[in-house]
Amino acid sequence: STNIKGYKVYDLFEPKAVPFLVRAGTTFETRVNPSGANLYRF
């Protein structure tokens, strides 16, 4: 949808972390530990 400007992203493994904005249609980068996982709410 062109109406969506972006996403407010919450790091669920770091619930005290400040959420950040990611623009729609762009790339998202994350760094994952070996055999681990990252979990976000967009």
PDB file of all heavy atoms in Angstrom:
ATOM      1  N   SER A   1       0.830  -1.201   0.000  1.00  0.00           N
ATOM      2  CA  SER A   1       0.000   0.000   0.000  1.00  0.00           C
ATOM      3  C   SER A   1       0.865   1.253   0.000  1.00  0.00           C
ATOM      4  O   SER A   1       1.784   1.403   0.815  1.00  0.00           O
ATOM      5  CB  SER A   1      -0.913   0.011   1.230  1.00  0.00           C
ATOM      6  OG  SER A   1      -1.566   1.252   1.352  1.00  0.00           O
ATOM      7  N   THR A   2       0.547   2.163  -0.926  1.00  0.00           N
ATOM      8  CA  THR A   2       1.306   3.419  -0.994  1.00  0.00           C
ATOM      9  C   THR A   2       0.940   4.356   0.136  1.00  0.00           C
ATOM     10  O   THR A   2       1.636   5.347   0.377  1.00  0.00           O
ATOM     11  CB  THR A   2       1.046   4.117  -2.342  1.00  0.00           C
ATOM     12  OG1 THR A   2      -0.366   4.336  -2.492  1.00  0.00           O
ATOM     13  CG2 THR A   2       1.559   3.265  -3.500  1.00  0.00           C
ATOM     14  N   ASN A   3      -0.156   4.056   0.851  1.00  0.00           N
ATOM     15  CA  ASN A   3      -0.562   4.903   1.964  1.00  0.00           C
ATOM     16  C   ASN A   3       0.323   4.709   3.191  1.00  0.00           C
ATOM     17  O   ASN A   3       0.420   5.600   4.031  1.00  0.00           O
ATOM     18  CB  ASN A   3      -2.018   4.624   2.341  1.00  0.00           C
ATOM     19  CG  ASN A   3      -2.983   5.039   1.247  1.00  0.00           C
ATOM     20  OD1 ASN A   3      -2.755   6.035   0.566  1.00  0.00           O
ATOM     21  ND2 ASN A   3      -4.054   4.279   1.075  1.00  0.00           N
ATOM     22  N   ILE A   4       0.940   3.532   3.290  1.00  0.00           N
ATOM     23  CA  ILE A   4       1.802   3.269   4.438  1.00  0.00           C
ATOM     24  C   ILE A   4       3.149   3.941   4.218  1.00  0.00           C
ATOM     25  O   ILE A   4       3.835   3.689   3.219  1.00  0.00           O
ATOM     26  CB  ILE A   4       1.986   1.756   4.651  1.00  0.00           C
ATOM     27  CG1 ILE A   4       0.649   1.115   5.043  1.00  0.00           C
ATOM     28  CG2 ILE A   4       3.022   1.478   5.733  1.00  0.00           C
ATOM     29  CD1 ILE A   4       0.714  -0.374   5.250  1.00  0.00           C
ATOM     30  N   LYS A   5       3.502   4.809   5.152  1.00  0.00           N
ATOM     31  CA  LYS A   5       4.756   5.554   5.031  1.00  0.00           C
ATOM     32  C   LYS A   5       5.928   4.814   5.661  1.00  0.00           C
ATOM     33  O   LYS A   5       7.079   5.075   5.314  1.00  0.00           O
ATOM     34  CB  LYS A   5       4.608   6.931   5.682  1.00  0.00           C
ATOM     35  CG  LYS A   5       3.465   7.757   5.092  1.00  0.00           C
ATOM     36  CD  LYS A   5       3.596   7.925   3.592  1.00  0.00           C
ATOM     37  CE  LYS A   5       2.446   8.760   3.025  1.00  0.00           C
ATOM     38  NZ  LYS A   5       2.506   8.845   1.547  1.00  0.00           N
ATOM     39  N   GLY A   6       5.629   3.936   6.591  1.00  0.00           N
ATOM     40  CA  GLY A   6       6.704   3.227   7.256  1.00  0.00           C
ATOM     41  C   GLY A   6       6.159   2.343   8.359  1.00  0.00           C
ATOM     42  O   GLY A   6       4.958   2.083   8.447  1.00  0.00           O
ATOM     43  N   TYR A   7       7.071   1.893   9.205  1.00  0.00           N
ATOM     44  CA  TYR A   7       6.709   1.002  10.307  1.00  0.00           C
ATOM     45  C   TYR A   7       7.435   1.432  11.569  1.00  0.00           C
ATOM     46  O   TYR A   7       8.618   1.784  11.533  1.00  0.00           O
ATOM     47  CB  TYR A   7       7.082  -0.450   9.982  1.00  0.00           C
ATOM     48  CG  TYR A   7       6.311  -0.998   8.809  1.00  0.00           C
ATOM     49  CD1 TYR A   7       6.802  -0.849   7.515  1.00  0.00           C
ATOM     50  CD2 TYR A   7       5.095  -1.651   8.991  1.00  0.00           C
ATOM     51  CE1 TYR A   7       6.094  -1.337   6.421  1.00  0.00           C
ATOM     52  CE2 TYR A   7       4.377  -2.139   7.906  1.00  0.00           C
ATOM     53  CZ  TYR A   7       4.882  -1.978   6.636  1.00  0.00           C
ATOM     54  OH  TYR A   7       4.179  -2.459   5.564  1.00  0.00           O
ATOM     55  N   LYS A   8       6.700   1.408  12.658  1.00  0.00           N
ATOM     56  CA  LYS A   8       7.305   1.599  13.969  1.00  0.00           C
ATOM     57  C   LYS A   8       7.739   0.224  14.450  1.00  0.00           C
ATOM     58  O   LYS A   8       6.914  -0.692  14.589  1.00  0.00           O
ATOM     59  CB  LYS A   8       6.301   2.229  14.923  1.00  0.00           C
ATOM     60  CG  LYS A   8       6.900   2.741  16.229  1.00  0.00           C
ATOM     61  CD  LYS A   8       5.820   3.460  17.027  1.00  0.00           C
ATOM     62  CE  LYS A   8       6.411   4.089  18.290  1.00  0.00           C
ATOM     63  NZ  LYS A   8       5.370   4.795  19.074  1.00  0.00           N
ATOM     64  N   VAL A   9       9.024   0.038  14.692  1.00  0.00           N
ATOM     65  CA  VAL A   9       9.593  -1.282  14.942  1.00  0.00           C
ATOM     66  C   VAL A   9       9.985  -1.424  16.409  1.00  0.00           C
ATOM     67  O   VAL A   9      10.707  -0.590  16.963  1.00  0.00           O
ATOM     68  CB  VAL A   9      10.816  -1.532  14.039  1.00  0.00           C
ATOM     69  CG1 VAL A   9      11.366  -2.937  14.269  1.00  0.00           C
ATOM     70  CG2 VAL A   9      10.436  -1.343  12.568  1.00  0.00           C
ATOM     71  N   TYR A  10       9.500  -2.496  17.024  1.00  0.00           N
ATOM     72  CA  TYR A  10       9.801  -2.820  18.420  1.00  0.00           C
ATOM     73  C   TYR A  10      10.647  -4.084  18.464  1.00  0.00           C
ATOM     74  O   TYR A  10      10.284  -5.106  17.872  1.00  0.00           O
ATOM     75  CB  TYR A  10       8.518  -3.058  19.212  1.00  0.00           C
ATOM     76  CG  TYR A  10       7.618  -1.857  19.339  1.00  0.00           C
ATOM     77  CD1 TYR A  10       6.801  -1.460  18.275  1.00  0.00           C
ATOM     78  CD2 TYR A  10       7.562  -1.123  20.518  1.00  0.00           C
ATOM     79  CE1 TYR A  10       5.964  -0.364  18.389  1.00  0.00           C
ATOM     80  CE2 TYR A  10       6.731  -0.023  20.650  1.00  0.00           C
ATOM     81  CZ  TYR A  10       5.932   0.352  19.575  1.00  0.00           C
ATOM     82  OH  TYR A  10       5.103   1.443  19.699  1.00  0.00           O
ATOM     83  N   ASP A  11      11.764  -4.042  19.163  1.00  0.00           N
ATOM     84  CA  ASP A  11      12.604  -5.216  19.377  1.00  0.00           C
ATOM     85  C   ASP A  11      12.036  -5.971  20.577  1.00  0.00           C
ATOM     86  O   ASP A  11      12.170  -5.535  21.724  1.00  0.00           O
ATOM     87  CB  ASP A  11      14.048  -4.788  19.634  1.00  0.00           C
ATOM     88  CG  ASP A  11      15.008  -5.964  19.760  1.00  0.00           C
ATOM     89  OD1 ASP A  11      14.543  -7.093  20.017  1.00  0.00           O
ATOM     90  OD2 ASP A  11      16.230  -5.747  19.609  1.00  0.00           O
ATOM     91  N   LEU A  12      11.410  -7.127  20.343  1.00  0.00           N
ATOM     92  CA  LEU A  12      10.704  -7.826  21.419  1.00  0.00           C
ATOM     93  C   LEU A  12      11.638  -8.507  22.408  1.00  0.00           C
ATOM     94  O   LEU A  12      11.226  -8.813  23.525  1.00  0.00           O
ATOM     95  CB  LEU A  12       9.729  -8.840  20.822  1.00  0.00           C
ATOM     96  CG  LEU A  12       8.617  -8.235  19.960  1.00  0.00           C
ATOM     97  CD1 LEU A  12       7.649  -9.316  19.488  1.00  0.00           C
ATOM     98  CD2 LEU A  12       7.857  -7.164  20.719  1.00  0.00           C
ATOM     99  N   PHE A  13      12.870  -8.762  22.014  1.00  0.00           N
ATOM    100  CA  PHE A  13      13.835  -9.298  22.979  1.00  0.00           C
ATOM    101  C   PHE A  13      14.485  -8.193  23.812  1.00  0.00           C
ATOM    102  O   PHE A  13      15.221  -8.480  24.758  1.00  0.00           O
ATOM    103  CB  PHE A  13      14.908 -10.120  22.264  1.00  0.00           C
ATOM    104  CG  PHE A  13      14.444 -11.497  21.863  1.00  0.00           C
ATOM    105  CD1 PHE A  13      14.538 -11.915  20.551  1.00  0.00           C
ATOM    106  CD2 PHE A  13      13.910 -12.372  22.796  1.00  0.00           C
ATOM    107  CE1 PHE A  13      14.116 -13.184  20.181  1.00  0.00           C
ATOM    108  CE2 PHE A  13      13.478 -13.641  22.435  1.00  0.00           C
ATOM    109  CZ  PHE A  13      13.578 -14.043  21.131  1.00  0.00           C
ATOM    110  N   GLU A  14      14.215  -6.954  23.455  1.00  0.00           N
ATOM    111  CA  GLU A  14      14.709  -5.799  24.215  1.00  0.00           C
ATOM    112  C   GLU A  14      13.518  -4.881  24.491  1.00  0.00           C
ATOM    113  O   GLU A  14      13.415  -3.779  23.924  1.00  0.00           O
ATOM    114  CB  GLU A  14      15.791  -5.059  23.428  1.00  0.00           C
ATOM    115  CG  GLU A  14      17.030  -5.874  23.131  1.00  0.00           C
ATOM    116  CD  GLU A  14      17.845  -6.182  24.387  1.00  0.00           C
ATOM    117  OE1 GLU A  14      17.654  -5.484  25.408  1.00  0.00           O
ATOM    118  OE2 GLU A  14      18.672  -7.101  24.333  1.00  0.00           O
ATOM    119  N   PRO A  15      12.597  -5.299  25.351  1.00  0.00           N
ATOM    120  CA  PRO A  15      11.348  -4.552  25.526  1.00  0.00           C
ATOM    121  C   PRO A  15      11.530  -3.129  26.049  1.00  0.00           C
ATOM    122  O   PRO A  15      10.636  -2.295  25.895  1.00  0.00           O
ATOM    123  CB  PRO A  15      10.552  -5.412  26.520  1.00  0.00           C
ATOM    124  CG  PRO A  15      11.571  -6.290  27.179  1.00  0.00           C
ATOM    125  CD  PRO A  15      12.653  -6.516  26.182  1.00  0.00           C
ATOM    126  N   LYS A  16      12.679  -2.840  26.656  1.00  0.00           N
ATOM    127  CA  LYS A  16      12.923  -1.487  27.157  1.00  0.00           C
ATOM    128  C   LYS A  16      13.558  -0.585  26.097  1.00  0.00           C
ATOM    129  O   LYS A  16      13.711   0.617  26.323  1.00  0.00           O
ATOM    130  CB  LYS A  16      13.807  -1.538  28.399  1.00  0.00           C
ATOM    131  CG  LYS A  16      13.151  -2.239  29.588  1.00  0.00           C
ATOM    132  CD  LYS A  16      14.060  -2.238  30.806  1.00  0.00           C
ATOM    133  CE  LYS A  16      13.396  -2.939  31.988  1.00  0.00           C
ATOM    134  NZ  LYS A  16      14.284  -2.976  33.181  1.00  0.00           N
ATOM    135  N   ALA A  17      13.923  -1.171  24.966  1.00  0.00           N
ATOM    136  CA  ALA A  17      14.556  -0.377  23.911  1.00  0.00           C
ATOM    137  C   ALA A  17      13.545   0.563  23.277  1.00  0.00           C
ATOM    138  O   ALA A  17      12.358   0.266  23.180  1.00  0.00           O
ATOM    139  CB  ALA A  17      15.156  -1.291  22.857  1.00  0.00           C
ATOM    140  N   VAL A  18      14.014   1.689  22.833  1.00  0.00           N
ATOM    141  CA  VAL A  18      13.154   2.681  22.178  1.00  0.00           C
ATOM    142  C   VAL A  18      12.822   2.194  20.776  1.00  0.00           C
ATOM    143  O   VAL A  18      13.720   1.807  20.010  1.00  0.00           O
ATOM    144  CB  VAL A  18      13.867   4.043  22.102  1.00  0.00           C
ATOM    145  CG1 VAL A  18      13.012   5.056  21.349  1.00  0.00           C
ATOM    146  CG2 VAL A  18      14.193   4.550  23.508  1.00  0.00           C
ATOM    147  N   PRO A  19      11.543   2.172  20.387  1.00  0.00           N
ATOM    148  CA  PRO A  19      11.186   1.759  19.027  1.00  0.00           C
ATOM    149  C   PRO A  19      11.723   2.748  18.001  1.00  0.00           C
ATOM    150  O   PRO A  19      11.997   3.909  18.314  1.00  0.00           O
ATOM    151  CB  PRO A  19       9.663   1.735  19.044  1.00  0.00           C
ATOM    152  CG  PRO A  19       9.276   2.649  20.151  1.00  0.00           C
ATOM    153  CD  PRO A  19      10.353   2.530  21.190  1.00  0.00           C
ATOM    154  N   PHE A  20      11.892   2.285  16.784  1.00  0.00           N
ATOM    155  CA  PHE A  20      12.455   3.132  15.739  1.00  0.00           C
ATOM    156  C   PHE A  20      11.600   3.030  14.478  1.00  0.00           C
ATOM    157  O   PHE A  20      10.830   2.084  14.304  1.00  0.00           O
ATOM    158  CB  PHE A  20      13.908   2.754  15.438  1.00  0.00           C
ATOM    159  CG  PHE A  20      14.131   1.302  15.108  1.00  0.00           C
ATOM    160  CD1 PHE A  20      14.134   0.863  13.792  1.00  0.00           C
ATOM    161  CD2 PHE A  20      14.344   0.374  16.123  1.00  0.00           C
ATOM    162  CE1 PHE A  20      14.342  -0.470  13.487  1.00  0.00           C
ATOM    163  CE2 PHE A  20      14.557  -0.967  15.827  1.00  0.00           C
ATOM    164  CZ  PHE A  20      14.550  -1.395  14.509  1.00  0.00           C
ATOM    165  N   LEU A  21      11.743   4.000  13.601  1.00  0.00           N
ATOM    166  CA  LEU A  21      10.939   4.068  12.389  1.00  0.00           C
ATOM    167  C   LEU A  21      11.739   3.554  11.194  1.00  0.00           C
ATOM    168  O   LEU A  21      12.898   3.918  11.009  1.00  0.00           O
ATOM    169  CB  LEU A  21      10.505   5.508  12.115  1.00  0.00           C
ATOM    170  CG  LEU A  21       9.524   5.714  10.959  1.00  0.00           C
ATOM    171  CD1 LEU A  21       8.177   5.081  11.265  1.00  0.00           C
ATOM    172  CD2 LEU A  21       9.369   7.192  10.653  1.00  0.00           C
ATOM    173  N   VAL A  22      11.094   2.693  10.415  1.00  0.00           N
ATOM    174  CA  VAL A  22      11.672   2.208   9.161  1.00  0.00           C
ATOM    175  C   VAL A  22      10.738   2.620   8.041  1.00  0.00           C
ATOM    176  O   VAL A  22       9.524   2.397   8.123  1.00  0.00           O
ATOM    177  CB  VAL A  22      11.835   0.676   9.181  1.00  0.00           C
ATOM    178  CG1 VAL A  22      12.322   0.183   7.827  1.00  0.00           C
ATOM    179  CG2 VAL A  22      12.795   0.247  10.277  1.00  0.00           C
ATOM    180  N   ARG A  23      11.274   3.219   6.993  1.00  0.00           N
ATOM    181  CA  ARG A  23      10.452   3.673   5.882  1.00  0.00           C
ATOM    182  C   ARG A  23       9.956   2.492   5.047  1.00  0.00           C
ATOM    183  O   ARG A  23      10.684   1.517   4.843  1.00  0.00           O
ATOM    184  CB  ARG A  23      11.239   4.627   4.985  1.00  0.00           C
ATOM    185  CG  ARG A  23      11.707   5.892   5.694  1.00  0.00           C
ATOM    186  CD  ARG A  23      10.540   6.766   6.098  1.00  0.00           C
ATOM    187  NE  ARG A  23      10.977   7.929   6.878  1.00  0.00           N
ATOM    188  CZ  ARG A  23      10.149   8.804   7.420  1.00  0.00           C
ATOM    189  NH1 ARG A  23       8.834   8.647   7.259  1.00  0.00           N
ATOM    190  NH2 ARG A  23      10.604   9.820   8.118  1.00  0.00           N
ATOM    191  N   ALA A  24       8.734   2.579   4.581  1.00  0.00           N
ATOM    192  CA  ALA A  24       8.174   1.535   3.725  1.00  0.00           C
ATOM    193  C   ALA A  24       8.926   1.483   2.400  1.00  0.00           C
ATOM    194  O   ALA A  24       9.430   2.499   1.907  1.00  0.00           O
ATOM    195  CB  ALA A  24       6.696   1.792   3.481  1.00  0.00           C
ATOM    196  N   GLY A  25       9.029   0.289   1.845  1.00  0.00           N
ATOM    197  CA  GLY A  25       9.652   0.130   0.542  1.00  0.00           C
ATOM    198  C   GLY A  25      11.161   0.181   0.564  1.00  0.00           C
ATOM    199  O   GLY A  25      11.800   0.129  -0.491  1.00  0.00           O
ATOM    200  N   THR A  26      11.752   0.289   1.766  1.00  0.00           N
ATOM    201  CA  THR A  26      13.204   0.330   1.858  1.00  0.00           C
ATOM    202  C   THR A  26      13.702  -1.024   2.375  1.00  0.00           C
ATOM    203  O   THR A  26      12.980  -2.012   2.414  1.00  0.00           O
ATOM    204  CB  THR A  26      13.652   1.453   2.795  1.00  0.00           C
ATOM    205  OG1 THR A  26      13.103   1.229   4.109  1.00  0.00           O
ATOM    206  CG2 THR A  26      13.166   2.799   2.295  1.00  0.00           C
ATOM    207  N   THR A  27      14.966  -1.066   2.765  1.00  0.00           N
ATOM    208  CA  THR A  27      15.545  -2.294   3.308  1.00  0.00           C
ATOM    209  C   THR A  27      15.618  -2.197   4.827  1.00  0.00           C
ATOM    210  O   THR A  27      15.627  -1.112   5.415  1.00  0.00           O
ATOM    211  CB  THR A  27      16.954  -2.537   2.750  1.00  0.00           C
ATOM    212  OG1 THR A  27      17.798  -1.423   3.092  1.00  0.00           O
ATOM    213  CG2 THR A  27      16.910  -2.717   1.241  1.00  0.00           C
ATOM    214  N   PHE A  28      15.646  -3.370   5.444  1.00  0.00           N
ATOM    215  CA  PHE A  28      15.778  -3.480   6.901  1.00  0.00           C
ATOM    216  C   PHE A  28      16.967  -4.385   7.173  1.00  0.00           C
ATOM    217  O   PHE A  28      17.101  -5.449   6.572  1.00  0.00           O
ATOM    218  CB  PHE A  28      14.507  -4.066   7.499  1.00  0.00           C
ATOM    219  CG  PHE A  28      14.584  -4.298   8.983  1.00  0.00           C
ATOM    220  CD1 PHE A  28      14.404  -3.253   9.873  1.00  0.00           C
ATOM    221  CD2 PHE A  28      14.834  -5.562   9.497  1.00  0.00           C
ATOM    222  CE1 PHE A  28      14.484  -3.452  11.249  1.00  0.00           C
ATOM    223  CE2 PHE A  28      14.904  -5.784  10.871  1.00  0.00           C
ATOM    224  CZ  PHE A  28      14.732  -4.728  11.747  1.00  0.00           C
ATOM    225  N   GLU A  29      17.816  -3.951   8.073  1.00  0.00           N
ATOM    226  CA  GLU A  29      19.025  -4.704   8.383  1.00  0.00           C
ATOM    227  C   GLU A  29      19.022  -5.142   9.840  1.00  0.00           C
ATOM    228  O   GLU A  29      18.671  -4.371  10.735  1.00  0.00           O
ATOM    229  CB  GLU A  29      20.266  -3.845   8.096  1.00  0.00           C
ATOM    230  CG  GLU A  29      21.582  -4.585   8.253  1.00  0.00           C
ATOM    231  CD  GLU A  29      22.778  -3.731   7.840  1.00  0.00           C
ATOM    232  OE1 GLU A  29      23.012  -3.605   6.610  1.00  0.00           O
ATOM    233  OE2 GLU A  29      23.448  -3.179   8.737  1.00  0.00           O
ATOM    234  N   THR A  30      19.402  -6.387  10.063  1.00  0.00           N
ATOM    235  CA  THR A  30      19.518  -6.889  11.434  1.00  0.00           C
ATOM    236  C   THR A  30      20.679  -7.872  11.495  1.00  0.00           C
ATOM    237  O   THR A  30      21.035  -8.494  10.488  1.00  0.00           O
ATOM    238  CB  THR A  30      18.213  -7.556  11.904  1.00  0.00           C
ATOM    239  OG1 THR A  30      18.297  -7.856  13.301  1.00  0.00           O
ATOM    240  CG2 THR A  30      17.912  -8.822  11.128  1.00  0.00           C
ATOM    241  N   ARG A  31      21.240  -8.027  12.664  1.00  0.00           N
ATOM    242  CA  ARG A  31      22.412  -8.892  12.859  1.00  0.00           C
ATOM    243  C   ARG A  31      22.023 -10.004  13.833  1.00  0.00           C
ATOM    244  O   ARG A  31      21.639  -9.728  14.970  1.00  0.00           O
ATOM    245  CB  ARG A  31      23.582  -8.068  13.391  1.00  0.00           C
ATOM    246  CG  ARG A  31      24.940  -8.751  13.282  1.00  0.00           C
ATOM    247  CD  ARG A  31      26.054  -7.754  13.542  1.00  0.00           C
ATOM    248  NE  ARG A  31      27.371  -8.316  13.292  1.00  0.00           N
ATOM    249  CZ  ARG A  31      28.346  -8.360  14.211  1.00  0.00           C
ATOM    250  NH1 ARG A  31      28.137  -7.865  15.424  1.00  0.00           N
ATOM    251  NH2 ARG A  31      29.520  -8.888  13.903  1.00  0.00           N
ATOM    252  N   VAL A  32      22.122 -11.253  13.375  1.00  0.00           N
ATOM    253  CA  VAL A  32      21.609 -12.384  14.137  1.00  0.00           C
ATOM    254  C   VAL A  32      22.765 -13.260  14.607  1.00  0.00           C
ATOM    255  O   VAL A  32      23.632 -13.647  13.808  1.00  0.00           O
ATOM    256  CB  VAL A  32      20.632 -13.226  13.290  1.00  0.00           C
ATOM    257  CG1 VAL A  32      19.879 -14.209  14.176  1.00  0.00           C
ATOM    258  CG2 VAL A  32      19.665 -12.338  12.529  1.00  0.00           C
ATOM    259  N   ASN A  33      22.766 -13.603  15.869  1.00  0.00           N
ATOM    260  CA  ASN A  33      23.814 -14.464  16.415  1.00  0.00           C
ATOM    261  C   ASN A  33      23.710 -15.888  15.855  1.00  0.00           C
ATOM    262  O   ASN A  33      22.621 -16.332  15.479  1.00  0.00           O
ATOM    263  CB  ASN A  33      23.712 -14.520  17.936  1.00  0.00           C
ATOM    264  CG  ASN A  33      24.102 -13.221  18.596  1.00  0.00           C
ATOM    265  OD1 ASN A  33      24.635 -12.315  17.953  1.00  0.00           O
ATOM    266  ND2 ASN A  33      23.823 -13.103  19.880  1.00  0.00           N
ATOM    267  N   PRO A  34      24.825 -16.612  15.810  1.00  0.00           N
ATOM    268  CA  PRO A  34      24.777 -17.996  15.327  1.00  0.00           C
ATOM    269  C   PRO A  34      23.743 -18.821  16.095  1.00  0.00           C
ATOM    270  O   PRO A  34      23.722 -18.799  17.334  1.00  0.00           O
ATOM    271  CB  PRO A  34      26.199 -18.506  15.591  1.00  0.00           C
ATOM    272  CG  PRO A  34      27.053 -17.282  15.590  1.00  0.00           C
ATOM    273  CD  PRO A  34      26.208 -16.198  16.176  1.00  0.00           C
ATOM    274  N   SER A  35      22.890 -19.511  15.379  1.00  0.00           N
ATOM    275  CA  SER A  35      21.791 -20.352  15.888  1.00  0.00           C
ATOM    276  C   SER A  35      20.838 -19.598  16.801  1.00  0.00           C
ATOM    277  O   SER A  35      20.082 -20.208  17.557  1.00  0.00           O
ATOM    278  CB  SER A  35      22.321 -21.614  16.593  1.00  0.00           C
ATOM    279  OG  SER A  35      22.973 -21.325  17.816  1.00  0.00           O
ATOM    280  N   GLY A  36      20.835 -18.275  16.696  1.00  0.00           N
ATOM    281  CA  GLY A  36      19.944 -17.452  17.501  1.00  0.00           C
ATOM    282  C   GLY A  36      18.800 -16.883  16.690  1.00  0.00           C
ATOM    283  O   GLY A  36      18.495 -17.346  15.589  1.00  0.00           O
ATOM    284  N   ALA A  37      18.158 -15.873  17.237  1.00  0.00           N
ATOM    285  CA  ALA A  37      17.022 -15.252  16.543  1.00  0.00           C
ATOM    286  C   ALA A  37      16.819 -13.838  17.054  1.00  0.00           C
ATOM    287  O   ALA A  37      17.129 -13.526  18.209  1.00  0.00           O
ATOM    288  CB  ALA A  37      15.746 -16.068  16.747  1.00  0.00           C
ATOM    289  N   ASN A  38      16.280 -12.982  16.188  1.00  0.00           N
ATOM    290  CA  ASN A  38      15.779 -11.662  16.556  1.00  0.00           C
ATOM    291  C   ASN A  38      14.287 -11.638  16.256  1.00  0.00           C
ATOM    292  O   ASN A  38      13.835 -12.244  15.288  1.00  0.00           O
ATOM    293  CB  ASN A  38      16.496 -10.565  15.771  1.00  0.00           C
ATOM    294  CG  ASN A  38      17.982 -10.494  16.085  1.00  0.00           C
ATOM    295  OD1 ASN A  38      18.435 -10.992  17.115  1.00  0.00           O
ATOM    296  ND2 ASN A  38      18.753  -9.899  15.188  1.00  0.00           N
ATOM    297  N   LEU A  39      13.540 -10.936  17.083  1.00  0.00           N
ATOM    298  CA  LEU A  39      12.082 -10.908  16.935  1.00  0.00           C
ATOM    299  C   LEU A  39      11.595  -9.474  17.069  1.00  0.00           C
ATOM    300  O   LEU A  39      11.902  -8.791  18.053  1.00  0.00           O
ATOM    301  CB  LEU A  39      11.436 -11.792  18.008  1.00  0.00           C
ATOM    302  CG  LEU A  39       9.910 -11.918  18.007  1.00  0.00           C
ATOM    303  CD1 LEU A  39       9.409 -12.502  16.698  1.00  0.00           C
ATOM    304  CD2 LEU A  39       9.457 -12.765  19.185  1.00  0.00           C
ATOM    305  N   TYR A  40      10.825  -9.026  16.067  1.00  0.00           N
ATOM    306  CA  TYR A  40      10.378  -7.638  16.025  1.00  0.00           C
ATOM    307  C   TYR A  40       8.868  -7.564  15.812  1.00  0.00           C
ATOM    308  O   TYR A  40       8.240  -8.490  15.280  1.00  0.00           O
ATOM    309  CB  TYR A  40      11.062  -6.893  14.874  1.00  0.00           C
ATOM    310  CG  TYR A  40      12.567  -6.859  14.952  1.00  0.00           C
ATOM    311  CD1 TYR A  40      13.334  -7.785  14.243  1.00  0.00           C
ATOM    312  CD2 TYR A  40      13.220  -5.913  15.723  1.00  0.00           C
ATOM    313  CE1 TYR A  40      14.725  -7.760  14.306  1.00  0.00           C
ATOM    314  CE2 TYR A  40      14.606  -5.874  15.792  1.00  0.00           C
ATOM    315  CZ  TYR A  40      15.359  -6.803  15.081  1.00  0.00           C
ATOM    316  OH  TYR A  40      16.724  -6.775  15.150  1.00  0.00           O
ATOM    317  N   ARG A  41       8.329  -6.406  16.190  1.00  0.00           N
ATOM    318  CA  ARG A  41       6.939  -6.086  15.893  1.00  0.00           C
ATOM    319  C   ARG A  41       6.933  -4.843  15.005  1.00  0.00           C
ATOM    320  O   ARG A  41       7.451  -3.799  15.389  1.00  0.00           O
ATOM    321  CB  ARG A  41       6.169  -5.837  17.202  1.00  0.00           C
ATOM    322  CG  ARG A  41       4.687  -5.623  17.020  1.00  0.00           C
ATOM    323  CD  ARG A  41       3.949  -5.859  18.352  1.00  0.00           C
ATOM    324  NE  ARG A  41       4.382  -4.948  19.392  1.00  0.00           N
ATOM    325  CZ  ARG A  41       3.776  -3.786  19.687  1.00  0.00           C
ATOM    326  NH1 ARG A  41       2.718  -3.408  18.995  1.00  0.00           N
ATOM    327  NH2 ARG A  41       4.213  -3.034  20.670  1.00  0.00           N
ATOM    328  N   PHE A  42       6.337  -4.977  13.806  1.00  0.00           N
ATOM    329  CA  PHE A  42       6.289  -3.892  12.833  1.00  0.00           C
ATOM    330  C   PHE A  42       4.871  -3.330  12.812  1.00  0.00           C
ATOM    331  O   PHE A  42       3.941  -4.005  12.357  1.00  0.00           O
ATOM    332  CB  PHE A  42       6.645  -4.408  11.437  1.00  0.00           C
ATOM    333  CG  PHE A  42       8.118  -4.589  11.179  1.00  0.00           C
ATOM    334  CD1 PHE A  42       8.857  -5.537  11.866  1.00  0.00           C
ATOM    335  CD2 PHE A  42       8.764  -3.800  10.241  1.00  0.00           C
ATOM    336  CE1 PHE A  42      10.210  -5.715  11.620  1.00  0.00           C
ATOM    337  CE2 PHE A  42      10.123  -3.965   9.983  1.00  0.00           C
ATOM    338  CZ  PHE A  42      10.853  -4.922  10.675  1.00  0.00           C
TER     339      PHE A  42
END
